[in-house]
Protein backbone atom coordinates (compact mmCIF):
# COMPACT_ATOMS: atom_id res chain seq x y z
CA MET A 1 0.00 170.31 89.47
CA ARG A 2 -2.06 172.73 87.33
CA GLN A 3 -3.35 169.84 85.22
CA ASP A 4 -4.45 168.06 88.38
CA ALA A 5 -6.41 171.12 89.54
CA ARG A 6 -8.27 171.88 86.31
CA PRO A 7 -10.69 168.91 86.39
CA LEU A 8 -11.81 169.69 89.93
CA GLU A 9 -15.15 171.43 90.42
CA ARG A 10 -14.94 175.18 89.83
CA GLY A 11 -15.07 177.15 93.08
CA SER A 12 -14.45 174.11 95.23
CA LYS A 13 -12.03 174.33 98.17
CA GLN A 14 -10.07 171.40 96.65
CA ARG A 15 -9.61 173.25 93.33
CA LYS A 16 -8.60 176.47 95.05
CA ALA A 17 -6.13 174.64 97.29
CA ALA A 18 -4.63 172.74 94.30
CA PHE A 19 -4.22 176.01 92.31
CA LEU A 20 -2.73 177.70 95.35
CA SER A 21 -0.21 174.90 95.72
CA ALA A 22 0.62 175.13 92.02
CA ALA A 23 1.02 178.92 92.24
CA ASN A 24 3.40 178.62 95.17
CA SER A 25 5.45 176.02 93.31
CA PHE A 26 5.66 178.31 90.25
CA TRP A 27 6.67 181.19 92.52
CA ALA A 28 9.45 179.11 94.11
CA CYS A 29 10.58 178.03 90.62
CA ALA A 30 10.77 181.68 89.56
CA LEU A 31 13.03 182.57 92.45
CA ASN A 32 15.65 180.09 91.20
CA ALA A 33 15.26 180.55 87.48
CA GLY A 34 17.05 182.55 84.77
CA ASP A 35 15.39 185.71 83.37
CA ILE A 36 13.24 184.20 80.64
CA GLN A 37 12.17 181.24 82.74
CA LYS A 38 11.61 183.52 85.75
CA THR A 39 9.07 185.59 83.75
CA ARG A 40 7.24 182.45 82.65
CA CYS A 41 7.15 181.09 86.15
CA PHE A 42 5.77 184.30 87.64
CA ASN A 43 3.16 184.50 84.88
CA ARG A 44 2.05 180.89 85.58
CA ALA A 45 2.00 181.61 89.35
CA ALA A 46 -0.23 184.59 88.65
CA GLU A 47 -2.65 182.52 86.58
CA CYS A 48 -2.87 179.94 89.34
CA TYR A 49 -3.33 182.58 92.03
CA ILE A 50 -6.25 183.89 90.01
CA GLU A 51 -7.83 180.43 89.86
CA ALA A 52 -7.28 180.09 93.63
CA GLU A 53 -8.93 183.47 94.07
CA HIS A 54 -5.78 185.01 95.62
CA LEU A 55 -5.95 188.21 93.55
CA SER A 56 -3.42 190.22 95.62
CA GLN A 57 -0.82 187.52 95.16
CA ALA A 58 -1.67 187.36 91.43
CA SER A 59 -0.90 191.05 91.23
CA ASP A 60 2.42 190.53 92.97
CA ALA A 61 3.34 187.71 90.61
CA TYR A 62 2.45 189.78 87.57
CA TYR A 63 4.52 192.61 89.01
CA ARG A 64 7.53 190.36 89.37
CA ALA A 65 6.95 189.23 85.81
CA GLU A 66 6.94 192.93 84.76
CA GLU A 67 3.40 192.61 83.46
CA TRP A 68 2.50 196.09 84.67
CA THR A 69 -1.05 196.26 83.27
CA MET A 70 -2.04 192.97 84.76
CA ALA A 71 -0.35 193.79 88.08
CA ALA A 72 -2.31 197.03 88.34
CA ARG A 73 -5.56 195.39 87.20
CA TYR A 74 -5.37 192.57 89.79
CA ALA A 75 -4.29 194.93 92.59
CA ARG A 76 -7.55 196.87 91.88
CA LEU A 77 -9.60 193.67 91.71
CA ALA A 78 -8.11 192.63 95.08
CA GLY A 79 -9.20 195.93 96.56
CA LYS A 80 -5.58 197.12 96.89
CA PHE A 81 -6.36 200.55 95.39
CA ASP A 82 -3.23 202.27 96.76
CA ARG A 83 -1.08 199.57 95.29
CA ALA A 84 -2.83 199.77 91.91
CA VAL A 85 -2.18 203.51 91.81
CA GLU A 86 1.38 202.98 92.89
CA ILE A 87 2.00 200.54 90.03
CA ILE A 88 0.46 202.98 87.53
CA ARG A 89 2.68 205.83 88.77
CA GLU A 90 5.88 203.69 89.03
CA GLU A 91 5.67 201.82 85.81
CA ARG A 92 5.18 203.48 82.43
CA GLY A 93 4.08 200.23 80.77
CA VAL A 94 0.47 200.13 82.09
CA GLU A 95 -1.99 200.44 79.19
CA GLN A 96 -3.47 203.93 79.27
CA SER A 97 -7.12 202.76 79.06
CA VAL A 98 -6.59 200.39 81.97
CA ALA A 99 -4.74 203.03 83.99
CA ASN A 100 -7.52 205.60 83.41
CA SER A 101 -10.17 203.08 84.41
CA ILE A 102 -8.35 202.14 87.62
CA ILE A 103 -7.80 205.78 88.54
CA GLU A 104 -11.45 206.57 88.04
CA VAL A 105 -12.47 203.60 90.26
CA CYS A 106 -9.93 204.68 92.91
CA LYS A 107 -11.29 208.21 92.96
CA VAL A 108 -14.73 206.89 93.70
CA VAL A 109 -13.42 204.59 96.40
CA TYR A 110 -11.39 207.35 98.02
CA VAL A 111 -14.36 209.77 97.95
CA GLN A 112 -16.69 207.17 99.47
CA ALA A 113 -14.09 206.38 102.19
CA LYS A 114 -13.84 210.13 102.97
CA GLU A 115 -17.57 210.42 103.24
CA ILE A 116 -17.65 207.58 105.77
CA GLU A 117 -15.11 209.24 108.05
C-alpha cells in the first residue's frame, strides 16, 4: 500500500488517503503482532501518518513503538502541547535537546494562551 501511495502527487488528497489507509493497516498489523514486529508496524504506521499529515496519530504510533523522542516531537508538531510535555515527563528516553526545545515552545504557547484569556 505504501508503494502505491509514493508515486502519487505530493500533497494530493489521493496520496494522503492512500498513506492514511496504509497507516491504518500497519496499526492493525501491530495490534496482532509479536513484540519485534509490533514495533516495526507502529513505526511504519507513524511514517505513513506523517505522509498523510495526521501528526497526532503519528505521535500515538511512535509512542506505541516506544520511540519517545519522535512521539514527543510529533505531539508538539500536531499542536498537542500538553501531550508532548506528558511524554517528556513520563518517559526518560526523550533526547534532552528535543525535550528542552519542546518545553521552551510550550512555555511560549502557554504564556500566549494566558495573555489571550
